[in-house]
């Protein structure tokens, strides 16, 4: 007795794939919460990072010079803008 396993029908596979895609689609509340979290983290990074830079500006300039200060500011700004961009992508992207 040999039991042969037949390959799945193409129509059944397409139906199963469509069901899987519907099952994992993002709901609107999920997108709102996720995008709000990313955007909020970006805004917090921008505000707190630049506040700390202003507080420690003299020390940073004394240790590393103006270039070091500009690189730190660019790093904080880039991180914040990237997080805000991720929030927008999460909200609007597929």
PDB file of N, CA and C in Angstrom:
ATOM      1  N   UNK A   1       0.819  -1.181   0.000  1.00  0.00           N
ATOM      2  CA  UNK A   1       0.000   0.000   0.000  1.00  0.00           C
ATOM      3  C   UNK A   1       0.865   1.248   0.000  1.00  0.00           C
ATOM      4  N   UNK A   2       0.874   1.865  -1.059  1.00  0.00           N
ATOM      5  CA  UNK A   2       1.620   3.114  -1.113  1.00  0.00           C
ATOM      6  C   UNK A   2       0.627   4.258  -1.187  1.00  0.00           C
ATOM      7  N   UNK A   3       0.840   5.184  -0.330  1.00  0.00           N
ATOM      8  CA  UNK A   3      -0.059   6.348  -0.342  1.00  0.00           C
ATOM      9  C   UNK A   3       0.673   7.488  -1.014  1.00  0.00           C
ATOM     10  N   UNK A   4       0.150   7.881  -2.120  1.00  0.00           N
ATOM     11  CA  UNK A   4       0.771   8.968  -2.856  1.00  0.00           C
ATOM     12  C   UNK A   4       0.203  10.296  -2.386  1.00  0.00           C
ATOM     13  N   UNK A   5       1.077  11.241  -2.260  1.00  0.00           N
ATOM     14  CA  UNK A   5       0.653  12.592  -1.896  1.00  0.00           C
ATOM     15  C   UNK A   5       0.603  13.400  -3.172  1.00  0.00           C
ATOM     16  N   UNK A   6      -0.572  13.887  -3.476  1.00  0.00           N
ATOM     17  CA  UNK A   6      -0.717  14.651  -4.713  1.00  0.00           C
ATOM     18  C   UNK A   6      -0.365  16.111  -4.454  1.00  0.00           C
ATOM     19  N   UNK A   7       0.192  16.769  -5.445  1.00  0.00           N
ATOM     20  CA  UNK A   7       0.517  18.185  -5.274  1.00  0.00           C
ATOM     21  C   UNK A   7      -0.767  19.001  -5.127  1.00  0.00           C
ATOM     22  N   UNK A   8      -0.685  20.101  -4.407  1.00  0.00           N
ATOM     23  CA  UNK A   8      -1.896  20.900  -4.206  1.00  0.00           C
ATOM     24  C   UNK A   8      -2.367  21.518  -5.519  1.00  0.00           C
ATOM     25  N   UNK A   9      -3.650  21.701  -5.599  1.00  0.00           N
ATOM     26  CA  UNK A   9      -4.243  22.342  -6.762  1.00  0.00           C
ATOM     27  C   UNK A   9      -3.849  23.817  -6.765  1.00  0.00           C
ATOM     28  N   UNK A  10      -3.618  24.376  -7.937  1.00  0.00           N
ATOM     29  CA  UNK A  10      -3.191  25.770  -8.054  1.00  0.00           C
ATOM     30  C   UNK A  10      -4.244  26.709  -7.477  1.00  0.00           C
ATOM     31  N   UNK A  11      -5.502  26.437  -7.743  1.00  0.00           N
ATOM     32  CA  UNK A  11      -6.575  27.302  -7.236  1.00  0.00           C
ATOM     33  C   UNK A  11      -6.622  27.274  -5.710  1.00  0.00           C
ATOM     34  N   UNK A  12      -6.406  26.090  -5.129  1.00  0.00           N
ATOM     35  CA  UNK A  12      -6.380  25.996  -3.670  1.00  0.00           C
ATOM     36  C   UNK A  12      -5.207  26.783  -3.092  1.00  0.00           C
ATOM     37  N   UNK A  13      -4.066  26.713  -3.748  1.00  0.00           N
ATOM     38  CA  UNK A  13      -2.889  27.449  -3.276  1.00  0.00           C
ATOM     39  C   UNK A  13      -3.122  28.953  -3.351  1.00  0.00           C
ATOM     40  N   UNK A  14      -3.745  29.419  -4.423  1.00  0.00           N
ATOM     41  CA  UNK A  14      -4.027  30.855  -4.556  1.00  0.00           C
ATOM     42  C   UNK A  14      -5.013  31.302  -3.489  1.00  0.00           C
ATOM     43  N   UNK A  15      -6.047  30.497  -3.251  1.00  0.00           N
ATOM     44  CA  UNK A  15      -7.023  30.831  -2.208  1.00  0.00           C
ATOM     45  C   UNK A  15      -6.358  30.884  -0.829  1.00  0.00           C
ATOM     46  N   UNK A  16      -5.489  29.935  -0.548  1.00  0.00           N
ATOM     47  CA  UNK A  16      -4.797  29.902   0.744  1.00  0.00           C
ATOM     48  C   UNK A  16      -3.883  31.110   0.897  1.00  0.00           C
ATOM     49  N   UNK A  17      -3.208  31.496  -0.198  1.00  0.00           N
ATOM     50  CA  UNK A  17      -2.331  32.666  -0.146  1.00  0.00           C
ATOM     51  C   UNK A  17      -3.133  33.939   0.096  1.00  0.00           C
ATOM     52  N   UNK A  18      -4.272  34.076  -0.556  1.00  0.00           N
ATOM     53  CA  UNK A  18      -5.118  35.260  -0.358  1.00  0.00           C
ATOM     54  C   UNK A  18      -5.621  35.317   1.076  1.00  0.00           C
ATOM     55  N   UNK A  19      -5.969  34.160   1.639  1.00  0.00           N
ATOM     56  CA  UNK A  19      -6.427  34.127   3.031  1.00  0.00           C
ATOM     57  C   UNK A  19      -5.300  34.539   3.978  1.00  0.00           C
ATOM     58  N   UNK A  20      -4.093  34.064   3.711  1.00  0.00           N
ATOM     59  CA  UNK A  20      -2.943  34.416   4.548  1.00  0.00           C
ATOM     60  C   UNK A  20      -2.661  35.911   4.474  1.00  0.00           C
ATOM     61  N   UNK A  21      -2.744  36.494   3.289  1.00  0.00           N
ATOM     62  CA  UNK A  21      -2.495  37.929   3.146  1.00  0.00           C
ATOM     63  C   UNK A  21      -3.544  38.742   3.889  1.00  0.00           C
ATOM     64  N   UNK A  22      -4.812  38.348   3.810  1.00  0.00           N
ATOM     65  CA  UNK A  22      -5.863  39.070   4.543  1.00  0.00           C
ATOM     66  C   UNK A  22      -5.651  38.944   6.045  1.00  0.00           C
ATOM     67  N   UNK A  23      -5.181  37.799   6.464  1.00  0.00           N
ATOM     68  CA  UNK A  23      -4.991  37.543   7.881  1.00  0.00           C
ATOM     69  C   UNK A  23      -3.919  38.453   8.477  1.00  0.00           C
ATOM     70  N   UNK A  24      -2.895  38.802   7.703  1.00  0.00           N
ATOM     71  CA  UNK A  24      -1.785  39.579   8.228  1.00  0.00           C
ATOM     72  C   UNK A  24      -1.790  41.036   7.785  1.00  0.00           C
ATOM     73  N   UNK A  25      -2.894  41.531   7.263  1.00  0.00           N
ATOM     74  CA  UNK A  25      -2.962  42.942   6.905  1.00  0.00           C
ATOM     75  C   UNK A  25      -3.012  43.785   8.174  1.00  0.00           C
ATOM     76  N   UNK A  26      -2.411  44.956   8.097  1.00  0.00           N
ATOM     77  CA  UNK A  26      -2.417  45.863   9.240  1.00  0.00           C
ATOM     78  C   UNK A  26      -3.783  46.500   9.408  1.00  0.00           C
ATOM     79  N   UNK A  27      -4.221  46.586  10.632  1.00  0.00           N
ATOM     80  CA  UNK A  27      -5.456  47.312  10.898  1.00  0.00           C
ATOM     81  C   UNK A  27      -5.095  48.783  11.149  1.00  0.00           C
ATOM     82  N   UNK A  28      -6.067  49.645  11.006  1.00  0.00           N
ATOM     83  CA  UNK A  28      -5.822  51.083  11.164  1.00  0.00           C
ATOM     84  C   UNK A  28      -5.312  51.433  12.563  1.00  0.00           C
ATOM     85  N   UNK A  29      -5.909  50.906  13.634  1.00  0.00           N
ATOM     86  CA  UNK A  29      -5.366  51.229  14.963  1.00  0.00           C
ATOM     87  C   UNK A  29      -3.910  50.791  15.142  1.00  0.00           C
ATOM     88  N   UNK A  30      -3.553  49.660  14.534  1.00  0.00           N
ATOM     89  CA  UNK A  30      -2.161  49.192  14.633  1.00  0.00           C
ATOM     90  C   UNK A  30      -1.217  50.164  13.940  1.00  0.00           C
ATOM     91  N   UNK A  31      -1.626  50.642  12.778  1.00  0.00           N
ATOM     92  CA  UNK A  31      -0.797  51.612  12.052  1.00  0.00           C
ATOM     93  C   UNK A  31      -0.683  52.915  12.828  1.00  0.00           C
ATOM     94  N   UNK A  32      -1.785  53.372  13.404  1.00  0.00           N
ATOM     95  CA  UNK A  32      -1.753  54.633  14.154  1.00  0.00           C
ATOM     96  C   UNK A  32      -0.848  54.532  15.374  1.00  0.00           C
ATOM     97  N   UNK A  33      -0.964  53.440  16.104  1.00  0.00           N
ATOM     98  CA  UNK A  33      -0.138  53.276  17.303  1.00  0.00           C
ATOM     99  C   UNK A  33       1.335  53.139  16.926  1.00  0.00           C
ATOM    100  N   UNK A  34       1.627  52.342  15.918  1.00  0.00           N
ATOM    101  CA  UNK A  34       3.014  52.158  15.493  1.00  0.00           C
ATOM    102  C   UNK A  34       3.636  53.432  14.964  1.00  0.00           C
ATOM    103  N   UNK A  35       2.887  54.148  14.131  1.00  0.00           N
ATOM    104  CA  UNK A  35       3.435  55.390  13.576  1.00  0.00           C
ATOM    105  C   UNK A  35       3.569  56.448  14.662  1.00  0.00           C
ATOM    106  N   UNK A  36       2.622  56.485  15.588  1.00  0.00           N
ATOM    107  CA  UNK A  36       2.726  57.433  16.700  1.00  0.00           C
ATOM    108  C   UNK A  36       3.925  57.146  17.586  1.00  0.00           C
ATOM    109  N   UNK A  37       4.219  55.863  17.781  1.00  0.00           N
ATOM    110  CA  UNK A  37       5.376  55.495  18.599  1.00  0.00           C
ATOM    111  C   UNK A  37       6.677  55.930  17.932  1.00  0.00           C
ATOM    112  N   UNK A  38       6.814  55.645  16.640  1.00  0.00           N
ATOM    113  CA  UNK A  38       8.030  56.053  15.932  1.00  0.00           C
ATOM    114  C   UNK A  38       8.170  57.573  15.885  1.00  0.00           C
ATOM    115  N   UNK A  39       7.091  58.260  15.527  1.00  0.00           N
ATOM    116  CA  UNK A  39       7.157  59.721  15.423  1.00  0.00           C
ATOM    117  C   UNK A  39       7.408  60.346  16.791  1.00  0.00           C
ATOM    118  N   UNK A  40       6.758  59.830  17.821  1.00  0.00           N
ATOM    119  CA  UNK A  40       6.970  60.347  19.171  1.00  0.00           C
ATOM    120  C   UNK A  40       8.399  60.150  19.637  1.00  0.00           C
ATOM    121  N   UNK A  41       8.961  59.004  19.330  1.00  0.00           N
ATOM    122  CA  UNK A  41      10.355  58.751  19.694  1.00  0.00           C
ATOM    123  C   UNK A  41      11.289  59.681  18.936  1.00  0.00           C
ATOM    124  N   UNK A  42      10.966  59.963  17.681  1.00  0.00           N
ATOM    125  CA  UNK A  42      11.773  60.901  16.902  1.00  0.00           C
ATOM    126  C   UNK A  42      11.725  62.307  17.463  1.00  0.00           C
ATOM    127  N   UNK A  43      10.535  62.759  17.836  1.00  0.00           N
ATOM    128  CA  UNK A  43      10.395  64.105  18.415  1.00  0.00           C
ATOM    129  C   UNK A  43      11.124  64.172  19.752  1.00  0.00           C
ATOM    130  N   UNK A  44      10.975  63.129  20.572  1.00  0.00           N
ATOM    131  CA  UNK A  44      11.664  63.099  21.862  1.00  0.00           C
ATOM    132  C   UNK A  44      13.182  63.120  21.671  1.00  0.00           C
ATOM    133  N   UNK A  45      13.673  62.359  20.707  1.00  0.00           N
ATOM    134  CA  UNK A  45      15.107  62.334  20.426  1.00  0.00           C
ATOM    135  C   UNK A  45      15.595  63.710  20.009  1.00  0.00           C
ATOM    136  N   UNK A  46      14.839  64.378  19.155  1.00  0.00           N
ATOM    137  CA  UNK A  46      15.208  65.718  18.690  1.00  0.00           C
ATOM    138  C   UNK A  46      15.272  66.689  19.870  1.00  0.00           C
ATOM    139  N   UNK A  47      14.218  66.742  20.663  1.00  0.00           N
ATOM    140  CA  UNK A  47      14.136  67.727  21.749  1.00  0.00           C
ATOM    141  C   UNK A  47      15.174  67.438  22.828  1.00  0.00           C
ATOM    142  N   UNK A  48      15.213  66.207  23.323  1.00  0.00           N
ATOM    143  CA  UNK A  48      16.135  65.909  24.420  1.00  0.00           C
ATOM    144  C   UNK A  48      17.590  65.918  23.954  1.00  0.00           C
ATOM    145  N   UNK A  49      17.832  65.433  22.749  1.00  0.00           N
ATOM    146  CA  UNK A  49      19.205  65.415  22.241  1.00  0.00           C
ATOM    147  C   UNK A  49      19.771  66.804  22.058  1.00  0.00           C
ATOM    148  N   UNK A  50      18.988  67.694  21.473  1.00  0.00           N
ATOM    149  CA  UNK A  50      19.473  69.060  21.270  1.00  0.00           C
ATOM    150  C   UNK A  50      19.566  69.827  22.591  1.00  0.00           C
ATOM    151  N   UNK A  51      18.688  69.515  23.540  1.00  0.00           N
ATOM    152  CA  UNK A  51      18.782  70.156  24.854  1.00  0.00           C
ATOM    153  C   UNK A  51      20.077  69.746  25.558  1.00  0.00           C
ATOM    154  N   UNK A  52      20.418  68.470  25.479  1.00  0.00           N
ATOM    155  CA  UNK A  52      21.662  68.013  26.095  1.00  0.00           C
ATOM    156  C   UNK A  52      22.880  68.594  25.390  1.00  0.00           C
ATOM    157  N   UNK A  53      22.801  68.741  24.081  1.00  0.00           N
ATOM    158  CA  UNK A  53      23.916  69.361  23.359  1.00  0.00           C
ATOM    159  C   UNK A  53      24.115  70.807  23.803  1.00  0.00           C
ATOM    160  N   UNK A  54      23.012  71.536  23.968  1.00  0.00           N
ATOM    161  CA  UNK A  54      23.138  72.929  24.422  1.00  0.00           C
ATOM    162  C   UNK A  54      23.749  73.001  25.818  1.00  0.00           C
ATOM    163  N   UNK A  55      23.375  72.062  26.686  1.00  0.00           N
ATOM    164  CA  UNK A  55      23.914  72.059  28.045  1.00  0.00           C
ATOM    165  C   UNK A  55      25.408  71.738  28.060  1.00  0.00           C
ATOM    166  N   UNK A  56      25.844  70.861  27.198  1.00  0.00           N
ATOM    167  CA  UNK A  56      27.226  70.397  27.214  1.00  0.00           C
ATOM    168  C   UNK A  56      28.066  70.982  26.089  1.00  0.00           C
ATOM    169  N   UNK A  57      27.599  72.052  25.484  1.00  0.00           N
ATOM    170  CA  UNK A  57      28.287  72.620  24.326  1.00  0.00           C
ATOM    171  C   UNK A  57      29.721  73.028  24.656  1.00  0.00           C
ATOM    172  N   UNK A  58      29.912  73.686  25.783  1.00  0.00           N
ATOM    173  CA  UNK A  58      31.253  74.152  26.145  1.00  0.00           C
ATOM    174  C   UNK A  58      32.220  72.980  26.317  1.00  0.00           C
ATOM    175  N   UNK A  59      31.771  71.923  26.992  1.00  0.00           N
ATOM    176  CA  UNK A  59      32.635  70.755  27.196  1.00  0.00           C
ATOM    177  C   UNK A  59      32.977  70.077  25.872  1.00  0.00           C
ATOM    178  N   UNK A  60      31.993  69.946  25.011  1.00  0.00           N
ATOM    179  CA  UNK A  60      32.217  69.283  23.721  1.00  0.00           C
ATOM    180  C   UNK A  60      33.188  70.090  22.871  1.00  0.00           C
ATOM    181  N   UNK A  61      32.999  71.400  22.833  1.00  0.00           N
ATOM    182  CA  UNK A  61      33.890  72.252  22.045  1.00  0.00           C
ATOM    183  C   UNK A  61      35.303  72.239  22.611  1.00  0.00           C
ATOM    184  N   UNK A  62      35.406  72.175  23.939  1.00  0.00           N
ATOM    185  CA  UNK A  62      36.712  72.162  24.591  1.00  0.00           C
ATOM    186  C   UNK A  62      37.467  70.858  24.287  1.00  0.00           C
ATOM    187  N   UNK A  63      36.754  69.732  24.317  1.00  0.00           N
ATOM    188  CA  UNK A  63      37.392  68.436  24.096  1.00  0.00           C
ATOM    189  C   UNK A  63      37.677  68.155  22.625  1.00  0.00           C
ATOM    190  N   UNK A  64      36.650  68.322  21.791  1.00  0.00           N
ATOM    191  CA  UNK A  64      36.793  67.854  20.418  1.00  0.00           C
ATOM    192  C   UNK A  64      36.761  68.922  19.358  1.00  0.00           C
ATOM    193  N   UNK A  65      36.417  70.121  19.701  1.00  0.00           N
ATOM    194  CA  UNK A  65      36.358  71.188  18.714  1.00  0.00           C
ATOM    195  C   UNK A  65      34.992  71.300  18.058  1.00  0.00           C
ATOM    196  N   UNK A  66      34.910  72.245  17.135  1.00  0.00           N
ATOM    197  CA  UNK A  66      33.634  72.548  16.486  1.00  0.00           C
ATOM    198  C   UNK A  66      33.159  71.389  15.612  1.00  0.00           C
ATOM    199  N   UNK A  67      34.091  70.687  15.002  1.00  0.00           N
ATOM    200  CA  UNK A  67      33.698  69.583  14.125  1.00  0.00           C
ATOM    201  C   UNK A  67      33.013  68.474  14.913  1.00  0.00           C
ATOM    202  N   UNK A  68      33.512  68.184  16.094  1.00  0.00           N
ATOM    203  CA  UNK A  68      32.910  67.162  16.937  1.00  0.00           C
ATOM    204  C   UNK A  68      31.488  67.553  17.330  1.00  0.00           C
ATOM    205  N   UNK A  69      31.296  68.826  17.644  1.00  0.00           N
ATOM    206  CA  UNK A  69      29.966  69.310  18.017  1.00  0.00           C
ATOM    207  C   UNK A  69      29.003  69.185  16.840  1.00  0.00           C
ATOM    208  N   UNK A  70      29.461  69.560  15.659  1.00  0.00           N
ATOM    209  CA  UNK A  70      28.603  69.484  14.472  1.00  0.00           C
ATOM    210  C   UNK A  70      28.254  68.037  14.124  1.00  0.00           C
ATOM    211  N   UNK A  71      29.203  67.134  14.291  1.00  0.00           N
ATOM    212  CA  UNK A  71      28.934  65.725  14.015  1.00  0.00           C
ATOM    213  C   UNK A  71      27.914  65.155  14.993  1.00  0.00           C
ATOM    214  N   UNK A  72      28.030  65.527  16.253  1.00  0.00           N
ATOM    215  CA  UNK A  72      27.053  65.062  17.239  1.00  0.00           C
ATOM    216  C   UNK A  72      25.669  65.610  16.931  1.00  0.00           C
ATOM    217  N   UNK A  73      25.615  66.887  16.582  1.00  0.00           N
ATOM    218  CA  UNK A  73      24.325  67.497  16.249  1.00  0.00           C
ATOM    219  C   UNK A  73      23.728  66.830  15.008  1.00  0.00           C
ATOM    220  N   UNK A  74      24.556  66.549  14.017  1.00  0.00           N
ATOM    221  CA  UNK A  74      24.072  65.877  12.805  1.00  0.00           C
ATOM    222  C   UNK A  74      23.595  64.459  13.116  1.00  0.00           C
ATOM    223  N   UNK A  75      24.299  63.777  13.999  1.00  0.00           N
ATOM    224  CA  UNK A  75      23.894  62.425  14.379  1.00  0.00           C
ATOM    225  C   UNK A  75      22.550  62.398  15.084  1.00  0.00           C
ATOM    226  N   UNK A  76      22.363  63.325  16.019  1.00  0.00           N
ATOM    227  CA  UNK A  76      21.091  63.401  16.736  1.00  0.00           C
ATOM    228  C   UNK A  76      19.966  63.800  15.784  1.00  0.00           C
ATOM    229  N   UNK A  77      20.226  64.785  14.945  1.00  0.00           N
ATOM    230  CA  UNK A  77      19.206  65.233  13.993  1.00  0.00           C
ATOM    231  C   UNK A  77      18.857  64.127  13.003  1.00  0.00           C
ATOM    232  N   UNK A  78      19.862  63.430  12.504  1.00  0.00           N
ATOM    233  CA  UNK A  78      19.618  62.346  11.555  1.00  0.00           C
ATOM    234  C   UNK A  78      18.820  61.206  12.163  1.00  0.00           C
ATOM    235  N   UNK A  79      19.142  60.862  13.400  1.00  0.00           N
ATOM    236  CA  UNK A  79      18.394  59.807  14.083  1.00  0.00           C
ATOM    237  C   UNK A  79      16.942  60.214  14.279  1.00  0.00           C
ATOM    238  N   UNK A  80      16.735  61.454  14.716  1.00  0.00           N
ATOM    239  CA  UNK A  80      15.373  61.936  14.950  1.00  0.00           C
ATOM    240  C   UNK A  80      14.571  61.983  13.657  1.00  0.00           C
ATOM    241  N   UNK A  81      15.166  62.505  12.604  1.00  0.00           N
ATOM    242  CA  UNK A  81      14.464  62.587  11.318  1.00  0.00           C
ATOM    243  C   UNK A  81      14.186  61.185  10.774  1.00  0.00           C
ATOM    244  N   UNK A  82      15.123  60.275  10.960  1.00  0.00           N
ATOM    245  CA  UNK A  82      14.907  58.894  10.525  1.00  0.00           C
ATOM    246  C   UNK A  82      13.739  58.240  11.241  1.00  0.00           C
ATOM    247  N   UNK A  83      13.638  58.457  12.549  1.00  0.00           N
ATOM    248  CA  UNK A  83      12.527  57.888  13.312  1.00  0.00           C
ATOM    249  C   UNK A  83      11.191  58.499  12.900  1.00  0.00           C
ATOM    250  N   UNK A  84      11.177  59.796  12.672  1.00  0.00           N
ATOM    251  CA  UNK A  84       9.943  60.443  12.213  1.00  0.00           C
ATOM    252  C   UNK A  84       9.565  59.913  10.826  1.00  0.00           C
ATOM    253  N   UNK A  85      10.562  59.719   9.976  1.00  0.00           N
ATOM    254  CA  UNK A  85      10.308  59.138   8.657  1.00  0.00           C
ATOM    255  C   UNK A  85       9.752  57.725   8.747  1.00  0.00           C
ATOM    256  N   UNK A  86      10.263  56.931   9.683  1.00  0.00           N
ATOM    257  CA  UNK A  86       9.722  55.590   9.889  1.00  0.00           C
ATOM    258  C   UNK A  86       8.267  55.648  10.344  1.00  0.00           C
ATOM    259  N   UNK A  87       7.956  56.645  11.170  1.00  0.00           N
ATOM    260  CA  UNK A  87       6.566  56.815  11.589  1.00  0.00           C
ATOM    261  C   UNK A  87       5.657  57.130  10.421  1.00  0.00           C
ATOM    262  N   UNK A  88       6.114  57.999   9.536  1.00  0.00           N
ATOM    263  CA  UNK A  88       5.318  58.324   8.346  1.00  0.00           C
ATOM    264  C   UNK A  88       5.189  57.111   7.425  1.00  0.00           C
ATOM    265  N   UNK A  89       6.268  56.373   7.269  1.00  0.00           N
ATOM    266  CA  UNK A  89       6.223  55.169   6.434  1.00  0.00           C
ATOM    267  C   UNK A  89       5.250  54.148   7.014  1.00  0.00           C
ATOM    268  N   UNK A  90       5.283  53.998   8.323  1.00  0.00           N
ATOM    269  CA  UNK A  90       4.376  53.048   8.987  1.00  0.00           C
ATOM    270  C   UNK A  90       2.926  53.458   8.797  1.00  0.00           C
ATOM    271  N   UNK A  91       2.675  54.749   8.805  1.00  0.00           N
ATOM    272  CA  UNK A  91       1.305  55.237   8.655  1.00  0.00           C
ATOM    273  C   UNK A  91       0.825  55.125   7.213  1.00  0.00           C
ATOM    274  N   UNK A  92       1.681  55.497   6.263  1.00  0.00           N
ATOM    275  CA  UNK A  92       1.243  55.611   4.870  1.00  0.00           C
ATOM    276  C   UNK A  92       1.673  54.453   3.981  1.00  0.00           C
ATOM    277  N   UNK A  93       2.718  53.729   4.375  1.00  0.00           N
ATOM    278  CA  UNK A  93       3.274  52.686   3.517  1.00  0.00           C
ATOM    279  C   UNK A  93       2.461  51.411   3.527  1.00  0.00           C
ATOM    280  N   UNK A  94       2.815  50.535   2.604  1.00  0.00           N
ATOM    281  CA  UNK A  94       2.122  49.241   2.538  1.00  0.00           C
ATOM    282  C   UNK A  94       2.815  48.257   3.387  1.00  0.00           C
TER     283      UNK A  94
END
